[in-house]
Amino acid sequence: MSAKISGLYPPDPDWTAGHLRHVVEFALELFGPDRLMFGSDWPVAELGGGYVKVRTELSALFDQLSPAGRDAVLGGTATRWYALRA
């Protein structure tokens, strides 16, 4: 089982990583970075400030992970889960 970090932000472009910190930390506690993956949630992300906003704010949270954990969330988990070629 895995989960996507996606669509957690409100439809308000003024949200910050701090608004999602507790949810992302809880997901990391439950699943660990090896079973979580970043999801862009495009085009719905446009309602929350756009893809760049989503990526920037969530990256601030993912940057607190180890390099291996960050790599897993930002691509490694999806590569394994969807059997993609790296």
Protein backbone atom coordinates (compact mmCIF):
# COMPACT_ATOMS: atom_id res chain seq x y z
CA MET A 1 0.00 0.00 0.00
CA SER A 2 1.18 3.49 -0.79
CA ALA A 3 -0.26 7.00 -0.76
CA LYS A 4 0.11 10.21 -2.72
CA ILE A 5 0.77 13.58 -1.13
CA SER A 6 -1.66 15.47 -3.33
CA GLY A 7 -4.62 17.82 -3.09
CA LEU A 8 -4.12 18.64 0.58
CA TYR A 9 -4.04 22.42 0.19
CA PRO A 10 -7.05 24.74 0.29
CA PRO A 11 -8.29 26.56 -2.81
CA ASP A 12 -6.55 29.69 -1.56
CA PRO A 13 -3.19 30.82 -2.96
CA ASP A 14 -2.09 32.19 0.44
CA TRP A 15 -1.57 28.77 2.07
CA THR A 16 1.93 27.75 3.16
CA ALA A 17 3.83 24.59 3.99
CA GLY A 18 3.01 25.27 7.63
CA HIS A 19 -0.68 24.69 6.94
CA LEU A 20 0.09 21.14 5.75
CA ARG A 21 2.98 20.23 8.03
CA HIS A 22 0.93 18.16 10.48
CA VAL A 23 -0.80 16.20 7.70
CA VAL A 24 2.42 15.47 5.81
CA GLU A 25 4.25 14.49 9.01
CA PHE A 26 1.37 12.17 9.95
CA ALA A 27 1.45 10.56 6.49
CA LEU A 28 5.22 10.09 6.79
CA GLU A 29 4.76 8.51 10.21
CA LEU A 30 2.13 6.09 8.89
CA PHE A 31 3.65 5.20 5.53
CA GLY A 32 7.29 6.28 5.60
CA PRO A 33 8.92 7.92 2.60
CA ASP A 34 9.28 4.58 0.79
CA ARG A 35 5.49 4.32 0.49
CA LEU A 36 4.64 7.99 -0.15
CA MET A 37 4.85 9.88 -3.40
CA PHE A 38 4.44 13.50 -4.42
CA GLY A 39 1.47 14.10 -6.69
CA SER A 40 1.27 17.36 -8.64
CA ASP A 41 -2.55 17.30 -8.61
CA TRP A 42 -2.58 19.31 -11.82
CA PRO A 43 -4.89 20.92 -12.97
CA VAL A 44 -6.60 21.12 -9.56
CA ALA A 45 -3.39 22.64 -8.19
CA GLU A 46 -4.26 25.77 -10.13
CA LEU A 47 -6.97 26.46 -7.53
CA GLY A 48 -4.37 26.40 -4.76
CA GLY A 49 -1.94 28.82 -6.38
CA GLY A 50 -0.52 26.73 -9.23
CA TYR A 51 1.96 23.92 -9.67
CA VAL A 52 5.00 26.03 -8.77
CA LYS A 53 3.37 27.05 -5.48
CA VAL A 54 2.43 23.44 -4.65
CA ARG A 55 5.89 22.13 -5.53
CA THR A 56 7.70 24.91 -3.65
CA GLU A 57 5.68 24.61 -0.44
CA LEU A 58 5.71 20.82 -0.31
CA SER A 59 9.42 20.76 -1.13
CA ALA A 60 10.01 22.82 2.01
CA LEU A 61 8.57 19.88 3.96
CA PHE A 62 10.30 17.18 1.92
CA ASP A 63 13.64 18.97 2.32
CA GLN A 64 13.54 18.00 6.00
CA LEU A 65 13.80 14.32 5.06
CA SER A 66 17.05 12.46 4.53
CA PRO A 67 18.31 12.61 0.92
CA ALA A 68 17.10 9.02 0.39
CA GLY A 69 13.68 9.79 1.89
CA ARG A 70 13.31 12.93 -0.23
CA ASP A 71 14.30 11.01 -3.37
CA ALA A 72 11.74 8.33 -2.54
CA VAL A 73 8.87 10.79 -2.11
CA LEU A 74 9.83 12.81 -5.18
CA GLY A 75 10.19 9.90 -7.57
CA GLY A 76 11.53 6.64 -6.21
CA THR A 77 8.24 5.41 -4.74
CA ALA A 78 6.33 6.24 -7.94
CA THR A 79 8.99 4.57 -10.07
CA ARG A 80 8.64 1.35 -8.07
CA TRP A 81 4.86 1.50 -7.62
CA TYR A 82 4.09 2.12 -11.29
CA ALA A 83 7.00 -0.05 -12.52
CA LEU A 84 8.52 2.88 -14.42
CA ARG A 85 11.98 2.87 -15.88
CA ALA A 86 14.26 5.35 -14.16
